[in-house]
Amino acid sequence: MKFTKRILPLLCAAAVCFMTMNMLFSCGEEEKSVGFPFNEKTEQAFNYCPSVFVENGSVYCYYCSNKESGVIQDHIYLRIGKYGKDGQIRWGEKILVLAPSFGEYDAFHCCDPSVIKGEFSHNGKSYRYLMAYTGNTSNVNNKIGLAVSNDPVTGWVKVKGPFIAYGGDVTHWGVGQPELLSVDEKGTVMLFYSVGSTSTYMMARKYDLSDLNDPKLISSEQISVKGLYDLNGNADVMNNAGVAYDKEKKRYYFVSDCHPAPTDGDPLFVSSHFRVTYISEKGGIGDAFLNAGAAGQSWSTLKTVGEAETNFKRNSNCAIVRSPFGYTLSDSDLEIYYSMSNLGTDYTWSYRIYSYTIAVNE
């Protein structure tokens, strides 16, 4: 099944989320959703794995969903939200942004989007937006791809071939769940991603992607997990993380899945909790991850969120609402978009995106 592509080999961890009530209003003959979850017109549909930024008063939420009712195949969609006078977000219609490409490395699933703004060149043309995503031809051997556009809604062009391919056993989960963060608001970026091989971990890479025909790797380090603990108080791993950077505090916030996997019913591979953790930066963006394997600083946990907070037993695949460059919008709180699912045999069609806000008081 589709969601097993997020099962990392040792942990079987994925994610999903929810939060408010489903409310609808009519605009002529077009039905639009207010708040969460997103309204889906197809009978059997899912949406999950968001990437969210706010620009010029609009909320851009990229996420994974299926194109055909009852067919489990990831496509990347976008909804644009506007705040009403009542403070509620009114979401527009579902817009297809990126689809699997027949015969390519992303022919089956096209998911896990992360979008930032910057200055990028591809095949001699300049672009303002960059997307990283996970692509595969089955539920294993995932790869990371890139796409560019001059408009956050339309005109997305895939960069040919996988940007990062997994070099290990083709039966392993591979590489994926990418997250982009701008370093200079131009072409230098941080790329964070999950690796599922004989172990589970995350990588932090800095690139100069100003010319996507000649990408330059600046640094590459495995992210330290010092200070991370699972729900039982044992040492934990990190995967499937959303990232935002607070430029004033010089602090990275990561929202990631908690382990171990739940045991109270299907889906067993989706995390019951997500956690928000942070580390500080003393140098430029990305320097905190250099040599982290040997001397990485310890993560601090801001909050762990589960059923007590969301009213759902599965809470995973999260994103922090950010600026177009990946920076935090406030120093006092973080809004998290997360994915949820119900328990039971039909859990696939219950995957929906919700929102939860966490106060930052430290």
Foldseek 3Di string as FASTA:
>chain_A
DQQQLQQFDPFLEFFFAAFDDWDWDDDPPDIWTKADWGDDPAPFKAWFQWAWEDDPQKIKIWIWMDDHHPDPFTFIWIWIWHQDPVRITIIDDIAGEGHADPPAQQNGHWGLKAKFFAWADEPRDIFTMKIKTWGHPDSAQIAIWMWTHNDPGYDIGTDPHGPGGFPDDRRGSTKGNWYWFFQDRHQKIWIKIWGRDVDTFIKIWIWRRNYVVDIGTDDIFTADQAQDAAPVRHRDHFHLWAWAAAPVQQKIKIKTAGDRFDDPAPPRSAGQKIWIKMDHDDDGPPPQRPVCVPPHDHIDTQDIDGCVNRVARGKGSKYWHYHSNRHHPDQFKIKMWIWGFHGDPSRSSRITIHIDMGTDDD
